[in-house]
Amino acid sequence: MAVERIAGAGNVLVPAYLALLSLGYEVRMERDRDGRETWSASGHELHLSASDPLELLGLHCLRTERGADWKAGEVEIRDFLDRFGYEAPA
């Protein structure tokens, strides 16, 4: 059986947008004078803000999986830093 591969690239932005719509979000994009985009999604008593639809969908998944208490605790942060070779902030 072949392994399906999906990469964070331009071809996932429209499917991510469509997924957000199917989840019941209202999605908007604003572009500032310098051309930078800010994407937002509102729904489910939640407002998400990111630089593209894929990040919005990731935030939705984060909130769905971890709940209202989505932030990482001290031990989780330390484990992440240790695992990926980062130094703890001073």
PDB file of N, CA and C in Angstrom:
ATOM      1  N   MET A   1       0.837  -1.169   0.000  1.00  0.00           N
ATOM      2  CA  MET A   1       0.000   0.000   0.000  1.00  0.00           C
ATOM      3  C   MET A   1       0.888   1.240   0.000  1.00  0.00           C
ATOM      4  N   ALA A   2       0.625   2.153  -0.913  1.00  0.00           N
ATOM      5  CA  ALA A   2       1.414   3.380  -1.023  1.00  0.00           C
ATOM      6  C   ALA A   2       1.036   4.357   0.085  1.00  0.00           C
ATOM      7  N   VAL A   3       2.018   5.085   0.551  1.00  0.00           N
ATOM      8  CA  VAL A   3       1.809   6.103   1.568  1.00  0.00           C
ATOM      9  C   VAL A   3       1.431   7.402   0.870  1.00  0.00           C
ATOM     10  N   GLU A   4       0.312   7.979   1.274  1.00  0.00           N
ATOM     11  CA  GLU A   4      -0.089   9.269   0.715  1.00  0.00           C
ATOM     12  C   GLU A   4       0.772  10.361   1.329  1.00  0.00           C
ATOM     13  N   ARG A   5       1.162  11.313   0.515  1.00  0.00           N
ATOM     14  CA  ARG A   5       1.999  12.411   0.989  1.00  0.00           C
ATOM     15  C   ARG A   5       1.317  13.735   0.682  1.00  0.00           C
ATOM     16  N   ILE A   6       1.285  14.598   1.679  1.00  0.00           N
ATOM     17  CA  ILE A   6       0.764  15.950   1.509  1.00  0.00           C
ATOM     18  C   ILE A   6       1.793  16.887   2.119  1.00  0.00           C
ATOM     19  N   ALA A   7       2.171  17.924   1.384  1.00  0.00           N
ATOM     20  CA  ALA A   7       3.152  18.885   1.877  1.00  0.00           C
ATOM     21  C   ALA A   7       2.507  20.263   1.982  1.00  0.00           C
ATOM     22  N   GLY A   8       3.017  21.054   2.909  1.00  0.00           N
ATOM     23  CA  GLY A   8       2.546  22.425   3.058  1.00  0.00           C
ATOM     24  C   GLY A   8       3.044  23.260   1.903  1.00  0.00           C
ATOM     25  N   ALA A   9       2.261  23.330   0.833  1.00  0.00           N
ATOM     26  CA  ALA A   9       2.630  24.081  -0.362  1.00  0.00           C
ATOM     27  C   ALA A   9       1.391  24.798  -0.879  1.00  0.00           C
ATOM     28  N   GLY A  10       1.557  25.538  -1.947  1.00  0.00           N
ATOM     29  CA  GLY A  10       0.467  26.326  -2.506  1.00  0.00           C
ATOM     30  C   GLY A  10      -0.762  25.530  -2.881  1.00  0.00           C
ATOM     31  N   ASN A  11      -0.589  24.271  -3.242  1.00  0.00           N
ATOM     32  CA  ASN A  11      -1.743  23.484  -3.694  1.00  0.00           C
ATOM     33  C   ASN A  11      -2.643  23.022  -2.554  1.00  0.00           C
ATOM     34  N   VAL A  12      -2.296  23.312  -1.300  1.00  0.00           N
ATOM     35  CA  VAL A  12      -3.155  22.935  -0.179  1.00  0.00           C
ATOM     36  C   VAL A  12      -3.994  24.100   0.340  1.00  0.00           C
ATOM     37  N   LEU A  13      -3.757  25.309  -0.162  1.00  0.00           N
ATOM     38  CA  LEU A  13      -4.465  26.471   0.375  1.00  0.00           C
ATOM     39  C   LEU A  13      -5.960  26.443   0.073  1.00  0.00           C
ATOM     40  N   VAL A  14      -6.330  26.124  -1.153  1.00  0.00           N
ATOM     41  CA  VAL A  14      -7.755  26.071  -1.493  1.00  0.00           C
ATOM     42  C   VAL A  14      -8.444  24.924  -0.755  1.00  0.00           C
ATOM     43  N   PRO A  15      -7.876  23.705  -0.723  1.00  0.00           N
ATOM     44  CA  PRO A  15      -8.512  22.654   0.063  1.00  0.00           C
ATOM     45  C   PRO A  15      -8.637  23.013   1.549  1.00  0.00           C
ATOM     46  N   ALA A  16      -7.658  23.709   2.114  1.00  0.00           N
ATOM     47  CA  ALA A  16      -7.742  24.130   3.513  1.00  0.00           C
ATOM     48  C   ALA A  16      -8.884  25.129   3.693  1.00  0.00           C
ATOM     49  N   TYR A  17      -9.008  26.061   2.770  1.00  0.00           N
ATOM     50  CA  TYR A  17     -10.112  27.023   2.788  1.00  0.00           C
ATOM     51  C   TYR A  17     -11.451  26.305   2.712  1.00  0.00           C
ATOM     52  N   LEU A  18     -11.562  25.356   1.803  1.00  0.00           N
ATOM     53  CA  LEU A  18     -12.811  24.606   1.643  1.00  0.00           C
ATOM     54  C   LEU A  18     -13.134  23.790   2.889  1.00  0.00           C
ATOM     55  N   ALA A  19     -12.119  23.235   3.533  1.00  0.00           N
ATOM     56  CA  ALA A  19     -12.331  22.486   4.771  1.00  0.00           C
ATOM     57  C   ALA A  19     -12.865  23.410   5.868  1.00  0.00           C
ATOM     58  N   LEU A  20     -12.309  24.610   5.968  1.00  0.00           N
ATOM     59  CA  LEU A  20     -12.789  25.569   6.959  1.00  0.00           C
ATOM     60  C   LEU A  20     -14.249  25.928   6.717  1.00  0.00           C
ATOM     61  N   LEU A  21     -14.609  26.136   5.446  1.00  0.00           N
ATOM     62  CA  LEU A  21     -16.008  26.424   5.121  1.00  0.00           C
ATOM     63  C   LEU A  21     -16.901  25.260   5.525  1.00  0.00           C
ATOM     64  N   SER A  22     -16.456  24.032   5.242  1.00  0.00           N
ATOM     65  CA  SER A  22     -17.276  22.859   5.576  1.00  0.00           C
ATOM     66  C   SER A  22     -17.402  22.670   7.085  1.00  0.00           C
ATOM     67  N   LEU A  23     -16.457  23.216   7.847  1.00  0.00           N
ATOM     68  CA  LEU A  23     -16.517  23.156   9.307  1.00  0.00           C
ATOM     69  C   LEU A  23     -17.393  24.262   9.886  1.00  0.00           C
ATOM     70  N   GLY A  24     -17.906  25.136   9.017  1.00  0.00           N
ATOM     71  CA  GLY A  24     -18.815  26.182   9.461  1.00  0.00           C
ATOM     72  C   GLY A  24     -18.186  27.525   9.751  1.00  0.00           C
ATOM     73  N   TYR A  25     -16.938  27.716   9.355  1.00  0.00           N
ATOM     74  CA  TYR A  25     -16.280  28.995   9.578  1.00  0.00           C
ATOM     75  C   TYR A  25     -16.599  29.986   8.461  1.00  0.00           C
ATOM     76  N   GLU A  26     -16.618  31.256   8.811  1.00  0.00           N
ATOM     77  CA  GLU A  26     -16.629  32.339   7.835  1.00  0.00           C
ATOM     78  C   GLU A  26     -15.178  32.761   7.690  1.00  0.00           C
ATOM     79  N   VAL A  27     -14.657  32.728   6.477  1.00  0.00           N
ATOM     80  CA  VAL A  27     -13.236  32.999   6.237  1.00  0.00           C
ATOM     81  C   VAL A  27     -13.087  34.321   5.511  1.00  0.00           C
ATOM     82  N   ARG A  28     -12.140  35.128   5.968  1.00  0.00           N
ATOM     83  CA  ARG A  28     -11.853  36.427   5.345  1.00  0.00           C
ATOM     84  C   ARG A  28     -10.343  36.581   5.159  1.00  0.00           C
ATOM     85  N   MET A  29      -9.992  37.452   4.216  1.00  0.00           N
ATOM     86  CA  MET A  29      -8.594  37.792   4.002  1.00  0.00           C
ATOM     87  C   MET A  29      -8.495  39.297   3.820  1.00  0.00           C
ATOM     88  N   GLU A  30      -7.543  39.911   4.505  1.00  0.00           N
ATOM     89  CA  GLU A  30      -7.254  41.332   4.331  1.00  0.00           C
ATOM     90  C   GLU A  30      -5.797  41.467   3.935  1.00  0.00           C
ATOM     91  N   ARG A  31      -5.538  42.391   3.018  1.00  0.00           N
ATOM     92  CA  ARG A  31      -4.178  42.633   2.535  1.00  0.00           C
ATOM     93  C   ARG A  31      -3.797  44.058   2.915  1.00  0.00           C
ATOM     94  N   ASP A  32      -2.634  44.221   3.569  1.00  0.00           N
ATOM     95  CA  ASP A  32      -2.211  45.570   3.946  1.00  0.00           C
ATOM     96  C   ASP A  32      -1.509  46.256   2.774  1.00  0.00           C
ATOM     97  N   ARG A  33      -1.078  47.464   2.976  1.00  0.00           N
ATOM     98  CA  ARG A  33      -0.451  48.257   1.900  1.00  0.00           C
ATOM     99  C   ARG A  33       0.815  47.634   1.353  1.00  0.00           C
ATOM    100  N   ASP A  34       1.490  46.827   2.197  1.00  0.00           N
ATOM    101  CA  ASP A  34       2.731  46.172   1.764  1.00  0.00           C
ATOM    102  C   ASP A  34       2.473  44.825   1.097  1.00  0.00           C
ATOM    103  N   GLY A  35       1.193  44.455   0.960  1.00  0.00           N
ATOM    104  CA  GLY A  35       0.847  43.200   0.313  1.00  0.00           C
ATOM    105  C   GLY A  35       0.783  42.000   1.242  1.00  0.00           C
ATOM    106  N   ARG A  36       1.021  42.213   2.546  1.00  0.00           N
ATOM    107  CA  ARG A  36       0.939  41.101   3.501  1.00  0.00           C
ATOM    108  C   ARG A  36      -0.523  40.743   3.741  1.00  0.00           C
ATOM    109  N   GLU A  37      -0.785  39.455   3.760  1.00  0.00           N
ATOM    110  CA  GLU A  37      -2.140  38.970   3.968  1.00  0.00           C
ATOM    111  C   GLU A  37      -2.342  38.527   5.407  1.00  0.00           C
ATOM    112  N   THR A  38      -3.511  38.839   5.941  1.00  0.00           N
ATOM    113  CA  THR A  38      -3.943  38.311   7.226  1.00  0.00           C
ATOM    114  C   THR A  38      -5.264  37.602   6.985  1.00  0.00           C
ATOM    115  N   TRP A  39      -5.294  36.325   7.293  1.00  0.00           N
ATOM    116  CA  TRP A  39      -6.482  35.501   7.113  1.00  0.00           C
ATOM    117  C   TRP A  39      -7.148  35.311   8.471  1.00  0.00           C
ATOM    118  N   SER A  40      -8.474  35.290   8.471  1.00  0.00           N
ATOM    119  CA  SER A  40      -9.202  35.042   9.708  1.00  0.00           C
ATOM    120  C   SER A  40     -10.374  34.117   9.426  1.00  0.00           C
ATOM    121  N   ALA A  41     -10.741  33.379  10.448  1.00  0.00           N
ATOM    122  CA  ALA A  41     -11.889  32.481  10.373  1.00  0.00           C
ATOM    123  C   ALA A  41     -12.671  32.644  11.664  1.00  0.00           C
ATOM    124  N   SER A  42     -13.979  32.827  11.520  1.00  0.00           N
ATOM    125  CA  SER A  42     -14.845  32.995  12.683  1.00  0.00           C
ATOM    126  C   SER A  42     -15.944  31.955  12.650  1.00  0.00           C
ATOM    127  N   GLY A  43     -16.214  31.392  13.798  1.00  0.00           N
ATOM    128  CA  GLY A  43     -17.275  30.410  13.951  1.00  0.00           C
ATOM    129  C   GLY A  43     -17.055  29.622  15.215  1.00  0.00           C
ATOM    130  N   HIS A  44     -18.089  28.905  15.646  1.00  0.00           N
ATOM    131  CA  HIS A  44     -17.972  28.047  16.827  1.00  0.00           C
ATOM    132  C   HIS A  44     -17.542  28.838  18.065  1.00  0.00           C
ATOM    133  N   GLU A  45     -17.982  30.107  18.149  1.00  0.00           N
ATOM    134  CA  GLU A  45     -17.579  30.996  19.246  1.00  0.00           C
ATOM    135  C   GLU A  45     -16.057  31.102  19.351  1.00  0.00           C
ATOM    136  N   LEU A  46     -15.406  31.130  18.193  1.00  0.00           N
ATOM    137  CA  LEU A  46     -13.953  31.151  18.109  1.00  0.00           C
ATOM    138  C   LEU A  46     -13.540  32.043  16.943  1.00  0.00           C
ATOM    139  N   HIS A  47     -12.465  32.811  17.132  1.00  0.00           N
ATOM    140  CA  HIS A  47     -11.904  33.617  16.047  1.00  0.00           C
ATOM    141  C   HIS A  47     -10.443  33.209  15.879  1.00  0.00           C
ATOM    142  N   LEU A  48     -10.084  32.793  14.680  1.00  0.00           N
ATOM    143  CA  LEU A  48      -8.721  32.363  14.365  1.00  0.00           C
ATOM    144  C   LEU A  48      -8.081  33.395  13.459  1.00  0.00           C
ATOM    145  N   SER A  49      -6.787  33.616  13.596  1.00  0.00           N
ATOM    146  CA  SER A  49      -6.058  34.554  12.753  1.00  0.00           C
ATOM    147  C   SER A  49      -4.705  33.952  12.393  1.00  0.00           C
ATOM    148  N   ALA A  50      -4.339  34.026  11.100  1.00  0.00           N
ATOM    149  CA  ALA A  50      -3.084  33.419  10.642  1.00  0.00           C
ATOM    150  C   ALA A  50      -2.669  34.051   9.316  1.00  0.00           C
ATOM    151  N   SER A  51      -1.563  33.555   8.774  1.00  0.00           N
ATOM    152  CA  SER A  51      -1.056  34.112   7.524  1.00  0.00           C
ATOM    153  C   SER A  51      -1.596  33.415   6.285  1.00  0.00           C
ATOM    154  N   ASP A  52      -2.289  32.275   6.449  1.00  0.00           N
ATOM    155  CA  ASP A  52      -2.891  31.609   5.291  1.00  0.00           C
ATOM    156  C   ASP A  52      -3.931  30.593   5.756  1.00  0.00           C
ATOM    157  N   PRO A  53      -4.744  30.059   4.836  1.00  0.00           N
ATOM    158  CA  PRO A  53      -5.793  29.116   5.227  1.00  0.00           C
ATOM    159  C   PRO A  53      -5.273  27.833   5.881  1.00  0.00           C
ATOM    160  N   LEU A  54      -4.112  27.369   5.485  1.00  0.00           N
ATOM    161  CA  LEU A  54      -3.566  26.155   6.090  1.00  0.00           C
ATOM    162  C   LEU A  54      -3.267  26.377   7.575  1.00  0.00           C
ATOM    163  N   GLU A  55      -2.702  27.529   7.898  1.00  0.00           N
ATOM    164  CA  GLU A  55      -2.454  27.844   9.310  1.00  0.00           C
ATOM    165  C   GLU A  55      -3.769  27.965  10.072  1.00  0.00           C
ATOM    166  N   LEU A  56      -4.787  28.555   9.453  1.00  0.00           N
ATOM    167  CA  LEU A  56      -6.096  28.637  10.102  1.00  0.00           C
ATOM    168  C   LEU A  56      -6.620  27.241  10.432  1.00  0.00           C
ATOM    169  N   LEU A  57      -6.519  26.345   9.465  1.00  0.00           N
ATOM    170  CA  LEU A  57      -6.990  24.979   9.670  1.00  0.00           C
ATOM    171  C   LEU A  57      -6.184  24.296  10.779  1.00  0.00           C
ATOM    172  N   GLY A  58      -4.892  24.560  10.828  1.00  0.00           N
ATOM    173  CA  GLY A  58      -4.056  24.024  11.898  1.00  0.00           C
ATOM    174  C   GLY A  58      -4.485  24.536  13.262  1.00  0.00           C
ATOM    175  N   LEU A  59      -4.839  25.820  13.344  1.00  0.00           N
ATOM    176  CA  LEU A  59      -5.323  26.374  14.610  1.00  0.00           C
ATOM    177  C   LEU A  59      -6.643  25.732  15.014  1.00  0.00           C
ATOM    178  N   HIS A  60      -7.512  25.509  14.034  1.00  0.00           N
ATOM    179  CA  HIS A  60      -8.767  24.810  14.325  1.00  0.00           C
ATOM    180  C   HIS A  60      -8.470  23.420  14.902  1.00  0.00           C
ATOM    181  N   CYS A  61      -7.565  22.693  14.283  1.00  0.00           N
ATOM    182  CA  CYS A  61      -7.214  21.345  14.758  1.00  0.00           C
ATOM    183  C   CYS A  61      -6.599  21.396  16.152  1.00  0.00           C
ATOM    184  N   LEU A  62      -5.747  22.375  16.397  1.00  0.00           N
ATOM    185  CA  LEU A  62      -5.136  22.544  17.721  1.00  0.00           C
ATOM    186  C   LEU A  62      -6.216  22.731  18.775  1.00  0.00           C
ATOM    187  N   ARG A  63      -7.162  23.616  18.501  1.00  0.00           N
ATOM    188  CA  ARG A  63      -8.249  23.895  19.458  1.00  0.00           C
ATOM    189  C   ARG A  63      -9.157  22.676  19.625  1.00  0.00           C
ATOM    190  N   THR A  64      -9.418  21.978  18.532  1.00  0.00           N
ATOM    191  CA  THR A  64     -10.267  20.788  18.591  1.00  0.00           C
ATOM    192  C   THR A  64      -9.611  19.688  19.414  1.00  0.00           C
ATOM    193  N   GLU A  65      -8.331  19.452  19.202  1.00  0.00           N
ATOM    194  CA  GLU A  65      -7.625  18.366  19.883  1.00  0.00           C
ATOM    195  C   GLU A  65      -7.305  18.671  21.336  1.00  0.00           C
ATOM    196  N   ARG A  66      -6.919  19.922  21.630  1.00  0.00           N
ATOM    197  CA  ARG A  66      -6.477  20.248  22.997  1.00  0.00           C
ATOM    198  C   ARG A  66      -7.542  20.964  23.813  1.00  0.00           C
ATOM    199  N   GLY A  67      -8.600  21.422  23.175  1.00  0.00           N
ATOM    200  CA  GLY A  67      -9.678  22.079  23.897  1.00  0.00           C
ATOM    201  C   GLY A  67      -9.352  23.513  24.270  1.00  0.00           C
ATOM    202  N   ALA A  68     -10.202  24.067  25.142  1.00  0.00           N
ATOM    203  CA  ALA A  68     -10.046  25.463  25.551  1.00  0.00           C
ATOM    204  C   ALA A  68      -8.716  25.695  26.273  1.00  0.00           C
ATOM    205  N   ASP A  69      -8.177  24.660  26.908  1.00  0.00           N
ATOM    206  CA  ASP A  69      -6.887  24.756  27.590  1.00  0.00           C
ATOM    207  C   ASP A  69      -5.797  24.245  26.646  1.00  0.00           C
ATOM    208  N   TRP A  70      -5.665  24.886  25.483  1.00  0.00           N
ATOM    209  CA  TRP A  70      -4.787  24.407  24.411  1.00  0.00           C
ATOM    210  C   TRP A  70      -3.309  24.711  24.631  1.00  0.00           C
ATOM    211  N   LYS A  71      -3.011  25.670  25.512  1.00  0.00           N
ATOM    212  CA  LYS A  71      -1.611  26.072  25.701  1.00  0.00           C
ATOM    213  C   LYS A  71      -0.793  24.945  26.316  1.00  0.00           C
ATOM    214  N   ALA A  72       0.485  24.893  25.974  1.00  0.00           N
ATOM    215  CA  ALA A  72       1.391  23.879  26.514  1.00  0.00           C
ATOM    216  C   ALA A  72       1.812  24.250  27.931  1.00  0.00           C
ATOM    217  N   GLY A  73       1.920  23.236  28.773  1.00  0.00           N
ATOM    218  CA  GLY A  73       2.406  23.437  30.135  1.00  0.00           C
ATOM    219  C   GLY A  73       3.925  23.440  30.181  1.00  0.00           C
ATOM    220  N   GLU A  74       4.463  23.761  31.329  1.00  0.00           N
ATOM    221  CA  GLU A  74       5.923  23.859  31.477  1.00  0.00           C
ATOM    222  C   GLU A  74       6.633  22.563  31.120  1.00  0.00           C
ATOM    223  N   VAL A  75       6.114  21.433  31.582  1.00  0.00           N
ATOM    224  CA  VAL A  75       6.739  20.142  31.292  1.00  0.00           C
ATOM    225  C   VAL A  75       6.667  19.847  29.801  1.00  0.00           C
ATOM    226  N   GLU A  76       5.540  20.122  29.172  1.00  0.00           N
ATOM    227  CA  GLU A  76       5.398  19.894  27.729  1.00  0.00           C
ATOM    228  C   GLU A  76       6.381  20.757  26.945  1.00  0.00           C
ATOM    229  N   ILE A  77       6.544  22.001  27.366  1.00  0.00           N
ATOM    230  CA  ILE A  77       7.490  22.907  26.690  1.00  0.00           C
ATOM    231  C   ILE A  77       8.903  22.387  26.854  1.00  0.00           C
ATOM    232  N   ARG A  78       9.265  21.996  28.072  1.00  0.00           N
ATOM    233  CA  ARG A  78      10.616  21.480  28.331  1.00  0.00           C
ATOM    234  C   ARG A  78      10.881  20.217  27.513  1.00  0.00           C
ATOM    235  N   ASP A  79       9.898  19.312  27.450  1.00  0.00           N
ATOM    236  CA  ASP A  79      10.051  18.087  26.654  1.00  0.00           C
ATOM    237  C   ASP A  79      10.250  18.411  25.182  1.00  0.00           C
ATOM    238  N   PHE A  80       9.497  19.372  24.667  1.00  0.00           N
ATOM    239  CA  PHE A  80       9.639  19.795  23.265  1.00  0.00           C
ATOM    240  C   PHE A  80      11.035  20.355  23.008  1.00  0.00           C
ATOM    241  N   LEU A  81      11.477  21.260  23.886  1.00  0.00           N
ATOM    242  CA  LEU A  81      12.800  21.867  23.720  1.00  0.00           C
ATOM    243  C   LEU A  81      13.903  20.816  23.772  1.00  0.00           C
ATOM    244  N   ASP A  82      13.790  19.875  24.707  1.00  0.00           N
ATOM    245  CA  ASP A  82      14.791  18.804  24.826  1.00  0.00           C
ATOM    246  C   ASP A  82      14.790  17.915  23.587  1.00  0.00           C
ATOM    247  N   ARG A  83      13.611  17.543  23.126  1.00  0.00           N
ATOM    248  CA  ARG A  83      13.516  16.625  22.002  1.00  0.00           C
ATOM    249  C   ARG A  83      14.079  17.203  20.711  1.00  0.00           C
ATOM    250  N   PHE A  84      13.862  18.494  20.499  1.00  0.00           N
ATOM    251  CA  PHE A  84      14.267  19.093  19.226  1.00  0.00           C
ATOM    252  C   PHE A  84      15.509  19.963  19.333  1.00  0.00           C
ATOM    253  N   GLY A  85      16.203  19.908  20.461  1.00  0.00           N
ATOM    254  CA  GLY A  85      17.507  20.527  20.578  1.00  0.00           C
ATOM    255  C   GLY A  85      17.508  22.025  20.757  1.00  0.00           C
ATOM    256  N   TYR A  86      16.458  22.568  21.298  1.00  0.00           N
ATOM    257  CA  TYR A  86      16.419  24.004  21.600  1.00  0.00           C
ATOM    258  C   TYR A  86      16.854  24.220  23.029  1.00  0.00           C
ATOM    259  N   GLU A  87      17.418  25.386  23.283  1.00  0.00           N
ATOM    260  CA  GLU A  87      17.741  25.752  24.652  1.00  0.00           C
ATOM    261  C   GLU A  87      16.524  26.419  25.261  1.00  0.00           C
ATOM    262  N   ALA A  88      16.312  26.178  26.536  1.00  0.00           N
ATOM    263  CA  ALA A  88      15.207  26.817  27.232  1.00  0.00           C
ATOM    264  C   ALA A  88      15.419  28.327  27.260  1.00  0.00           C
ATOM    265  N   PRO A  89      14.359  29.108  27.107  1.00  0.00           N
ATOM    266  CA  PRO A  89      14.500  30.563  27.182  1.00  0.00           C
ATOM    267  C   PRO A  89      14.997  30.994  28.540  1.00  0.00           C
ATOM    268  N   ALA A  90      15.792  32.038  28.552  1.00  0.00           N
ATOM    269  CA  ALA A  90      16.350  32.545  29.821  1.00  0.00           C
ATOM    270  C   ALA A  90      15.327  33.313  30.610  1.00  0.00           C
TER     271      ALA A  90
END
